[in-house]
Amino acid sequence: MNEYNEYLDFAKELAREAGDIMLKYFKPDIEQHYKADKTLVTVADEKINQLVIDRVGQTYPEHSVLGEEASNDKQAEYAWICDPIDGTNPFAKGLPVSTFSLALTKDGCPIVGVIMDPFTNGLYWAAQDKGAYLNGEKISVSDKELEFHSVIHVDWWPSAEIDTWWAMHELAKELSIYTLSIGSIVRAAAMVASGKLEAGVFPGTKGKFMDIAAAKIIVEEAGGKVTNLFGNEQRYDQDIKGAIVSNGICHAQLVEAINKTL
């Protein structure tokens, strides 16, 4: 497990550098454009993604990097999965909710993960069988079921292949729970890991594993559970079938509600 410590230290260092870049470019006139898939990207996204590719190439040249903006895919056993800025739209609008996310997977399973929230200087991290931490303090998920005043995060966008919004809307009405749409599933996952939310529901599929890879290990090392939308395990170095990120206690309720609607 000493090897995991080395990987974790490397990831934490990259996360801090990525956070600095996010803060540097967090301004109203940030350079931005639309990609071929009509999603927004900023110069900060591209610079952070390239930073990860360069650093991994220097330190672990045999590893792959799979990033949202660019990749260096060597079809390797080990792959660094990077979402340079999760929540690009709010970032470009000047809303301080976005995060940096990086995980190391072995055969598709995350073994190390970091999430950086530069706006509160919050660095979340986890390694397999070592627990989850926020700035060195151990964190854990909430112990609440879905009930009155429970809080969940729900993502939706027009091109999402799976629409979970109606299922969550119906569940929220039935149980009087509160729903948020934060603008970053990675930030929501960090909040689940630290007990501030009960769950997050994410409909992303094609090219969206970057959003969940670090969340998978951080939330589960904090005592929670992460699966696809149908309650099944999945790889995090390829396309996914959405994700439910939860404290574990309410996971089955969310799977049932989604399956019933879909």
C-alpha atoms as a PDB file:
ATOM      1  CA  MET A   1       0.000   0.000   0.000  1.00  0.00           C
ATOM      2  CA  ASN A   2       3.018   2.343   0.110  1.00  0.00           C
ATOM      3  CA  GLU A   3       2.576   2.628  -3.639  1.00  0.00           C
ATOM      4  CA  TYR A   4      -0.914   4.054  -3.043  1.00  0.00           C
ATOM      5  CA  ASN A   5       0.595   6.704  -0.731  1.00  0.00           C
ATOM      6  CA  GLU A   6       2.942   7.742  -3.521  1.00  0.00           C
ATOM      7  CA  TYR A   7       0.094   7.986  -6.017  1.00  0.00           C
ATOM      8  CA  LEU A   8      -2.018   9.900  -3.508  1.00  0.00           C
ATOM      9  CA  ASP A   9       0.721  12.441  -2.790  1.00  0.00           C
ATOM     10  CA  PHE A  10       1.159  12.948  -6.532  1.00  0.00           C
ATOM     11  CA  ALA A  11      -2.591  13.462  -7.013  1.00  0.00           C
ATOM     12  CA  LYS A  12      -2.854  15.910  -4.113  1.00  0.00           C
ATOM     13  CA  GLU A  13       0.005  17.997  -5.498  1.00  0.00           C
ATOM     14  CA  LEU A  14      -1.697  18.132  -8.898  1.00  0.00           C
ATOM     15  CA  ALA A  15      -5.000  19.056  -7.274  1.00  0.00           C
ATOM     16  CA  ARG A  16      -3.468  22.036  -5.504  1.00  0.00           C
ATOM     17  CA  GLU A  17      -1.875  23.251  -8.743  1.00  0.00           C
ATOM     18  CA  ALA A  18      -5.172  22.805 -10.576  1.00  0.00           C
ATOM     19  CA  GLY A  19      -6.928  24.808  -7.873  1.00  0.00           C
ATOM     20  CA  ASP A  20      -4.444  27.656  -8.331  1.00  0.00           C
ATOM     21  CA  ILE A  21      -5.134  27.698 -12.059  1.00  0.00           C
ATOM     22  CA  MET A  22      -8.885  27.773 -11.446  1.00  0.00           C
ATOM     23  CA  LEU A  23      -8.552  30.779  -9.167  1.00  0.00           C
ATOM     24  CA  LYS A  24      -6.219  32.560 -11.607  1.00  0.00           C
ATOM     25  CA  TYR A  25      -8.771  32.329 -14.430  1.00  0.00           C
ATOM     26  CA  PHE A  26     -11.899  32.845 -12.353  1.00  0.00           C
ATOM     27  CA  LYS A  27     -12.895  36.161 -13.901  1.00  0.00           C
ATOM     28  CA  PRO A  28     -15.755  37.531 -16.030  1.00  0.00           C
ATOM     29  CA  ASP A  29     -13.785  37.759 -19.273  1.00  0.00           C
ATOM     30  CA  ILE A  30     -12.286  34.264 -19.224  1.00  0.00           C
ATOM     31  CA  GLU A  31     -11.483  32.915 -22.686  1.00  0.00           C
ATOM     32  CA  GLN A  32     -14.051  30.296 -23.664  1.00  0.00           C
ATOM     33  CA  HIS A  33     -15.548  28.527 -26.673  1.00  0.00           C
ATOM     34  CA  TYR A  34     -17.858  25.665 -27.596  1.00  0.00           C
ATOM     35  CA  LYS A  35     -16.525  22.225 -28.480  1.00  0.00           C
ATOM     36  CA  ALA A  36     -17.740  20.049 -31.344  1.00  0.00           C
ATOM     37  CA  ASP A  37     -20.329  18.472 -29.035  1.00  0.00           C
ATOM     38  CA  LYS A  38     -21.633  21.994 -28.266  1.00  0.00           C
ATOM     39  CA  THR A  39     -20.475  21.954 -24.637  1.00  0.00           C
ATOM     40  CA  LEU A  40     -18.587  24.866 -23.148  1.00  0.00           C
ATOM     41  CA  VAL A  41     -14.861  24.793 -22.441  1.00  0.00           C
ATOM     42  CA  THR A  42     -12.603  27.511 -21.005  1.00  0.00           C
ATOM     43  CA  VAL A  43      -8.885  28.104 -21.228  1.00  0.00           C
ATOM     44  CA  ALA A  44      -8.644  26.980 -17.595  1.00  0.00           C
ATOM     45  CA  ASP A  45     -10.154  23.566 -18.450  1.00  0.00           C
ATOM     46  CA  GLU A  46      -7.605  23.091 -21.214  1.00  0.00           C
ATOM     47  CA  LYS A  47      -4.612  24.254 -19.184  1.00  0.00           C
ATOM     48  CA  ILE A  48      -5.457  21.998 -16.242  1.00  0.00           C
ATOM     49  CA  ASN A  49      -6.076  18.990 -18.472  1.00  0.00           C
ATOM     50  CA  GLN A  50      -2.716  19.523 -20.181  1.00  0.00           C
ATOM     51  CA  LEU A  51      -1.004  19.926 -16.805  1.00  0.00           C
ATOM     52  CA  VAL A  52      -2.254  16.473 -15.799  1.00  0.00           C
ATOM     53  CA  ILE A  53      -1.130  14.911 -19.094  1.00  0.00           C
ATOM     54  CA  ASP A  54       2.320  16.485 -18.790  1.00  0.00           C
ATOM     55  CA  ARG A  55       2.877  15.557 -15.136  1.00  0.00           C
ATOM     56  CA  VAL A  56       1.686  11.985 -15.522  1.00  0.00           C
ATOM     57  CA  GLY A  57       3.839  11.623 -18.632  1.00  0.00           C
ATOM     58  CA  GLN A  58       6.897  12.789 -16.689  1.00  0.00           C
ATOM     59  CA  THR A  59       6.271  10.755 -13.526  1.00  0.00           C
ATOM     60  CA  TYR A  60       4.377   7.669 -14.695  1.00  0.00           C
ATOM     61  CA  PRO A  61       5.073   7.423 -18.442  1.00  0.00           C
ATOM     62  CA  GLU A  62       3.560   3.939 -18.646  1.00  0.00           C
ATOM     63  CA  HIS A  63       0.150   5.160 -17.354  1.00  0.00           C
ATOM     64  CA  SER A  64      -2.754   6.428 -19.445  1.00  0.00           C
ATOM     65  CA  VAL A  65      -4.464   9.782 -18.953  1.00  0.00           C
ATOM     66  CA  LEU A  66      -8.137  10.052 -19.850  1.00  0.00           C
ATOM     67  CA  GLY A  67      -9.265  13.663 -19.591  1.00  0.00           C
ATOM     68  CA  GLU A  68     -12.441  15.484 -20.472  1.00  0.00           C
ATOM     69  CA  GLU A  69     -10.592  17.875 -22.803  1.00  0.00           C
ATOM     70  CA  ALA A  70      -7.662  15.712 -23.961  1.00  0.00           C
ATOM     71  CA  SER A  71      -6.220  12.257 -23.335  1.00  0.00           C
ATOM     72  CA  ASN A  72      -3.073  10.180 -23.670  1.00  0.00           C
ATOM     73  CA  ASP A  73      -4.578   6.710 -23.848  1.00  0.00           C
ATOM     74  CA  LYS A  74      -1.975   3.949 -23.792  1.00  0.00           C
ATOM     75  CA  GLN A  75      -4.512   1.202 -23.083  1.00  0.00           C
ATOM     76  CA  ALA A  76      -2.657   0.750 -19.799  1.00  0.00           C
ATOM     77  CA  GLU A  77      -3.660  -1.149 -16.664  1.00  0.00           C
ATOM     78  CA  TYR A  78      -3.377   2.138 -14.755  1.00  0.00           C
ATOM     79  CA  ALA A  79      -5.236   5.227 -15.982  1.00  0.00           C
ATOM     80  CA  TRP A  80      -5.526   8.709 -14.489  1.00  0.00           C
ATOM     81  CA  ILE A  81      -9.080   9.954 -14.967  1.00  0.00           C
ATOM     82  CA  CYS A  82      -9.317  13.758 -14.989  1.00  0.00           C
ATOM     83  CA  ASP A  83     -12.186  16.216 -14.997  1.00  0.00           C
ATOM     84  CA  PRO A  84     -10.236  19.490 -15.060  1.00  0.00           C
ATOM     85  CA  ILE A  85     -13.208  21.646 -14.093  1.00  0.00           C
ATOM     86  CA  ASP A  86     -16.466  19.971 -13.194  1.00  0.00           C
ATOM     87  CA  GLY A  87     -19.034  22.709 -13.580  1.00  0.00           C
ATOM     88  CA  THR A  88     -17.563  24.672 -16.475  1.00  0.00           C
ATOM     89  CA  ASN A  89     -20.771  26.617 -17.060  1.00  0.00           C
ATOM     90  CA  PRO A  90     -21.040  28.022 -13.526  1.00  0.00           C
ATOM     91  CA  PHE A  91     -17.279  28.634 -13.560  1.00  0.00           C
ATOM     92  CA  ALA A  92     -17.608  30.732 -16.722  1.00  0.00           C
ATOM     93  CA  LYS A  93     -20.558  32.592 -15.158  1.00  0.00           C
ATOM     94  CA  GLY A  94     -18.570  33.490 -12.047  1.00  0.00           C
ATOM     95  CA  LEU A  95     -20.350  31.072  -9.681  1.00  0.00           C
ATOM     96  CA  PRO A  96     -17.864  29.573  -7.176  1.00  0.00           C
ATOM     97  CA  VAL A  97     -19.112  25.971  -7.165  1.00  0.00           C
ATOM     98  CA  SER A  98     -16.783  24.182  -9.588  1.00  0.00           C
ATOM     99  CA  THR A  99     -14.207  21.554  -8.684  1.00  0.00           C
ATOM    100  CA  PHE A 100     -11.170  19.666  -9.980  1.00  0.00           C
ATOM    101  CA  SER A 101     -11.358  15.876  -9.954  1.00  0.00           C
ATOM    102  CA  LEU A 102      -8.643  13.255 -10.480  1.00  0.00           C
ATOM    103  CA  ALA A 103      -8.627   9.497  -9.902  1.00  0.00           C
ATOM    104  CA  LEU A 104      -6.224   6.684 -10.585  1.00  0.00           C
ATOM    105  CA  THR A 105      -7.914   3.510 -11.790  1.00  0.00           C
ATOM    106  CA  LYS A 106      -6.517   0.003 -11.994  1.00  0.00           C
ATOM    107  CA  ASP A 107      -8.396  -2.063 -14.553  1.00  0.00           C
ATOM    108  CA  GLY A 108     -11.245   0.435 -14.367  1.00  0.00           C
ATOM    109  CA  CYS A 109     -11.524   0.491 -10.566  1.00  0.00           C
ATOM    110  CA  PRO A 110     -10.540   3.715  -8.740  1.00  0.00           C
ATOM    111  CA  ILE A 111      -7.790   3.157  -6.157  1.00  0.00           C
ATOM    112  CA  VAL A 112      -6.897   6.808  -5.456  1.00  0.00           C
ATOM    113  CA  GLY A 113      -9.041   9.927  -5.780  1.00  0.00           C
ATOM    114  CA  VAL A 114      -8.828  13.659  -5.087  1.00  0.00           C
ATOM    115  CA  ILE A 115     -11.330  16.508  -5.378  1.00  0.00           C
ATOM    116  CA  MET A 116     -10.189  20.129  -5.087  1.00  0.00           C
ATOM    117  CA  ASP A 117     -12.582  22.935  -4.182  1.00  0.00           C
ATOM    118  CA  PRO A 118     -10.370  25.996  -4.638  1.00  0.00           C
ATOM    119  CA  PHE A 119     -13.024  28.438  -3.420  1.00  0.00           C
ATOM    120  CA  THR A 120     -12.946  27.081   0.135  1.00  0.00           C
ATOM    121  CA  ASN A 121      -9.436  25.607  -0.145  1.00  0.00           C
ATOM    122  CA  GLY A 122     -10.972  22.195   0.457  1.00  0.00           C
ATOM    123  CA  LEU A 123      -8.950  19.177  -0.654  1.00  0.00           C
ATOM    124  CA  TYR A 124     -10.779  15.863  -0.406  1.00  0.00           C
ATOM    125  CA  TRP A 125      -8.859  12.641  -0.870  1.00  0.00           C
ATOM    126  CA  ALA A 126      -9.038   8.894  -0.459  1.00  0.00           C
ATOM    127  CA  ALA A 127      -7.033   5.775  -1.235  1.00  0.00           C
ATOM    128  CA  GLN A 128      -8.247   2.207  -1.200  1.00  0.00           C
ATOM    129  CA  ASP A 129      -8.820   0.916   2.352  1.00  0.00           C
ATOM    130  CA  LYS A 130      -7.453   4.116   3.932  1.00  0.00           C
ATOM    131  CA  GLY A 131     -10.591   6.187   4.561  1.00  0.00           C
ATOM    132  CA  ALA A 132     -11.614   9.577   3.157  1.00  0.00           C
ATOM    133  CA  TYR A 133     -10.338  12.964   4.300  1.00  0.00           C
ATOM    134  CA  LEU A 134     -10.923  16.689   3.938  1.00  0.00           C
ATOM    135  CA  ASN A 135      -7.765  18.706   4.576  1.00  0.00           C
ATOM    136  CA  GLY A 136      -6.414  15.919   6.765  1.00  0.00           C
ATOM    137  CA  GLU A 137      -9.574  15.401   8.832  1.00  0.00           C
ATOM    138  CA  LYS A 138     -11.401  12.105   8.390  1.00  0.00           C
ATOM    139  CA  ILE A 139     -14.899  12.461   6.944  1.00  0.00           C
ATOM    140  CA  SER A 140     -17.940  10.203   6.778  1.00  0.00           C
ATOM    141  CA  VAL A 141     -21.337  10.134   5.124  1.00  0.00           C
ATOM    142  CA  SER A 142     -24.606  11.008   6.863  1.00  0.00           C
ATOM    143  CA  ASP A 143     -26.723   8.404   8.635  1.00  0.00           C
ATOM    144  CA  LYS A 144     -30.079   9.690   7.360  1.00  0.00           C
ATOM    145  CA  GLU A 145     -32.635   7.874   5.274  1.00  0.00           C
ATOM    146  CA  LEU A 146     -34.608   9.780   2.660  1.00  0.00           C
ATOM    147  CA  GLU A 147     -37.079  11.582   4.880  1.00  0.00           C
ATOM    148  CA  PHE A 148     -38.343  15.055   5.734  1.00  0.00           C
ATOM    149  CA  HIS A 149     -35.511  17.602   5.235  1.00  0.00           C
ATOM    150  CA  SER A 150     -33.108  15.123   3.668  1.00  0.00           C
ATOM    151  CA  VAL A 151     -31.199  16.776   0.795  1.00  0.00           C
ATOM    152  CA  ILE A 152     -30.186  15.299  -2.550  1.00  0.00           C
ATOM    153  CA  HIS A 153     -28.489  16.732  -5.628  1.00  0.00           C
ATOM    154  CA  VAL A 154     -30.069  16.108  -9.052  1.00  0.00           C
ATOM    155  CA  ASP A 155     -28.336  16.794 -12.367  1.00  0.00           C
ATOM    156  CA  TRP A 156     -30.061  17.329 -15.694  1.00  0.00           C
ATOM    157  CA  TRP A 157     -29.209  18.882 -19.058  1.00  0.00           C
ATOM    158  CA  PRO A 158     -31.063  18.812 -22.418  1.00  0.00           C
ATOM    159  CA  SER A 159     -28.779  16.280 -24.154  1.00  0.00           C
ATOM    160  CA  ALA A 160     -28.640  13.791 -21.268  1.00  0.00           C
ATOM    161  CA  GLU A 161     -29.490  10.334 -22.593  1.00  0.00           C
ATOM    162  CA  ILE A 162     -31.234   9.313 -19.373  1.00  0.00           C
ATOM    163  CA  ASP A 163     -33.723  11.646 -17.691  1.00  0.00           C
ATOM    164  CA  THR A 164     -33.842  11.045 -13.934  1.00  0.00           C
ATOM    165  CA  TRP A 165     -35.364  14.394 -13.056  1.00  0.00           C
ATOM    166  CA  TRP A 166     -38.986  13.226 -13.109  1.00  0.00           C
ATOM    167  CA  ALA A 167     -38.229  10.259 -10.839  1.00  0.00           C
ATOM    168  CA  MET A 168     -36.464  12.475  -8.319  1.00  0.00           C
ATOM    169  CA  HIS A 169     -39.216  15.106  -8.524  1.00  0.00           C
ATOM    170  CA  GLU A 170     -41.842  12.495  -7.668  1.00  0.00           C
ATOM    171  CA  LEU A 171     -39.724  11.060  -4.839  1.00  0.00           C
ATOM    172  CA  ALA A 172     -39.111  14.534  -3.417  1.00  0.00           C
ATOM    173  CA  LYS A 173     -42.856  15.260  -3.362  1.00  0.00           C
ATOM    174  CA  GLU A 174     -43.647  11.896  -1.787  1.00  0.00           C
ATOM    175  CA  LEU A 175     -41.052  12.125   1.010  1.00  0.00           C
ATOM    176  CA  SER A 176     -40.770  15.917   1.431  1.00  0.00           C
ATOM    177  CA  ILE A 177     -37.061  15.888   0.670  1.00  0.00           C
ATOM    178  CA  TYR A 178     -35.163  18.872  -0.684  1.00  0.00           C
ATOM    179  CA  THR A 179     -33.499  18.781  -4.097  1.00  0.00           C
ATOM    180  CA  LEU A 180     -30.569  20.907  -5.227  1.00  0.00           C
ATOM    181  CA  SER A 181     -28.948  21.318  -8.620  1.00  0.00           C
ATOM    182  CA  ILE A 182     -25.531  22.611  -7.641  1.00  0.00           C
ATOM    183  CA  GLY A 183     -23.929  22.662 -11.070  1.00  0.00           C
ATOM    184  CA  SER A 184     -21.217  20.133 -10.238  1.00  0.00           C
ATOM    185  CA  ILE A 185     -21.786  16.453  -9.460  1.00  0.00           C
ATOM    186  CA  VAL A 186     -18.221  16.293  -8.157  1.00  0.00           C
ATOM    187  CA  ARG A 187     -18.926  19.007  -5.577  1.00  0.00           C
ATOM    188  CA  ALA A 188     -22.153  17.209  -4.682  1.00  0.00           C
ATOM    189  CA  ALA A 189     -20.200  13.962  -4.217  1.00  0.00           C
ATOM    190  CA  ALA A 190     -17.757  15.723  -1.901  1.00  0.00           C
ATOM    191  CA  MET A 191     -20.730  16.945   0.116  1.00  0.00           C
ATOM    192  CA  VAL A 192     -22.141  13.410   0.285  1.00  0.00           C
ATOM    193  CA  ALA A 193     -18.756  12.129   1.486  1.00  0.00           C
ATOM    194  CA  SER A 194     -18.643  14.749   4.236  1.00  0.00           C
ATOM    195  CA  GLY A 195     -22.234  14.153   5.370  1.00  0.00           C
ATOM    196  CA  LYS A 196     -23.761  17.382   4.032  1.00  0.00           C
ATOM    197  CA  LEU A 197     -25.978  15.707   1.425  1.00  0.00           C
ATOM    198  CA  GLU A 198     -27.624  12.313   1.441  1.00  0.00           C
ATOM    199  CA  ALA A 199     -27.159  11.619  -2.264  1.00  0.00           C
ATOM    200  CA  GLY A 200     -26.475  12.840  -5.775  1.00  0.00           C
ATOM    201  CA  VAL A 201     -28.080  11.498  -8.962  1.00  0.00           C
ATOM    202  CA  PHE A 202     -26.181  11.879 -12.233  1.00  0.00           C
ATOM    203  CA  PRO A 203     -27.601  10.972 -15.680  1.00  0.00           C
ATOM    204  CA  GLY A 204     -24.304  11.248 -17.583  1.00  0.00           C
ATOM    205  CA  THR A 205     -23.348   8.415 -19.940  1.00  0.00           C
ATOM    206  CA  LYS A 206     -21.050   8.902 -22.929  1.00  0.00           C
ATOM    207  CA  GLY A 207     -17.711  10.417 -21.890  1.00  0.00           C
ATOM    208  CA  LYS A 208     -18.970  11.124 -18.372  1.00  0.00           C
ATOM    209  CA  PHE A 209     -16.920   8.639 -16.344  1.00  0.00           C
ATOM    210  CA  MET A 210     -14.487  11.497 -15.629  1.00  0.00           C
ATOM    211  CA  ASP A 211     -17.156  13.082 -13.440  1.00  0.00           C
ATOM    212  CA  ILE A 212     -17.573  10.045 -11.175  1.00  0.00           C
ATOM    213  CA  ALA A 213     -14.217   8.227 -10.928  1.00  0.00           C
ATOM    214  CA  ALA A 214     -12.814  10.191  -7.964  1.00  0.00           C
ATOM    215  CA  ALA A 215     -16.255  10.421  -6.362  1.00  0.00           C
ATOM    216  CA  LYS A 216     -16.490   6.612  -6.403  1.00  0.00           C
ATOM    217  CA  ILE A 217     -13.531   6.004  -4.109  1.00  0.00           C
ATOM    218  CA  ILE A 218     -13.915   9.105  -1.926  1.00  0.00           C
ATOM    219  CA  VAL A 219     -17.586   8.493  -1.157  1.00  0.00           C
ATOM    220  CA  GLU A 220     -17.139   4.763  -0.593  1.00  0.00           C
ATOM    221  CA  GLU A 221     -14.084   5.266   1.643  1.00  0.00           C
ATOM    222  CA  ALA A 222     -16.312   7.681   3.622  1.00  0.00           C
ATOM    223  CA  GLY A 223     -18.834   4.872   4.124  1.00  0.00           C
ATOM    224  CA  GLY A 224     -21.188   5.533   1.217  1.00  0.00           C
ATOM    225  CA  LYS A 225     -22.021   3.801  -2.028  1.00  0.00           C
ATOM    226  CA  VAL A 226     -21.621   4.622  -5.743  1.00  0.00           C
ATOM    227  CA  THR A 227     -23.165   2.572  -8.566  1.00  0.00           C
ATOM    228  CA  ASN A 228     -24.736   3.166 -11.941  1.00  0.00           C
ATOM    229  CA  LEU A 229     -28.357   4.338 -12.040  1.00  0.00           C
ATOM    230  CA  PHE A 230     -29.597   0.756 -11.851  1.00  0.00           C
ATOM    231  CA  GLY A 231     -27.633  -0.206  -8.762  1.00  0.00           C
ATOM    232  CA  ASN A 232     -24.863  -2.082 -10.570  1.00  0.00           C
ATOM    233  CA  GLU A 233     -21.087  -1.716 -10.471  1.00  0.00           C
ATOM    234  CA  GLN A 234     -19.327  -0.295 -13.522  1.00  0.00           C
ATOM    235  CA  ARG A 235     -15.863   0.610 -14.798  1.00  0.00           C
ATOM    236  CA  TYR A 236     -14.624   4.190 -14.552  1.00  0.00           C
ATOM    237  CA  ASP A 237     -12.280   4.238 -17.539  1.00  0.00           C
ATOM    238  CA  GLN A 238     -15.071   4.053 -20.132  1.00  0.00           C
ATOM    239  CA  ASP A 239     -18.620   5.260 -20.747  1.00  0.00           C
ATOM    240  CA  ILE A 240     -20.985   4.778 -17.812  1.00  0.00           C
ATOM    241  CA  LYS A 241     -24.725   4.341 -17.256  1.00  0.00           C
ATOM    242  CA  GLY A 242     -25.117   7.369 -15.027  1.00  0.00           C
ATOM    243  CA  ALA A 243     -24.446   7.235 -11.301  1.00  0.00           C
ATOM    244  CA  ILE A 244     -26.073   7.269  -7.904  1.00  0.00           C
ATOM    245  CA  VAL A 245     -23.745   8.675  -5.253  1.00  0.00           C
ATOM    246  CA  SER A 246     -25.186   8.152  -1.783  1.00  0.00           C
ATOM    247  CA  ASN A 247     -24.620   7.597   1.911  1.00  0.00           C
ATOM    248  CA  GLY A 248     -25.505   3.956   1.260  1.00  0.00           C
ATOM    249  CA  ILE A 249     -28.543   4.017   3.528  1.00  0.00           C
ATOM    250  CA  CYS A 250     -30.826   5.570   0.918  1.00  0.00           C
ATOM    251  CA  HIS A 251     -29.230   3.912  -2.108  1.00  0.00           C
ATOM    252  CA  ALA A 252     -31.873   1.232  -2.636  1.00  0.00           C
ATOM    253  CA  GLN A 253     -34.666   3.833  -2.433  1.00  0.00           C
ATOM    254  CA  LEU A 254     -33.082   5.848  -5.224  1.00  0.00           C
ATOM    255  CA  VAL A 255     -32.473   2.802  -7.423  1.00  0.00           C
ATOM    256  CA  GLU A 256     -36.094   1.715  -6.963  1.00  0.00           C
ATOM    257  CA  ALA A 257     -37.470   5.169  -7.774  1.00  0.00           C
ATOM    258  CA  ILE A 258     -35.359   5.473 -10.920  1.00  0.00           C
ATOM    259  CA  ASN A 259     -36.117   1.966 -12.149  1.00  0.00           C
ATOM    260  CA  LYS A 260     -39.834   2.467 -11.544  1.00  0.00           C
ATOM    261  CA  THR A 261     -39.873   5.618 -13.696  1.00  0.00           C
ATOM    262  CA  LEU A 262     -37.475   4.543 -16.417  1.00  0.00           C
END
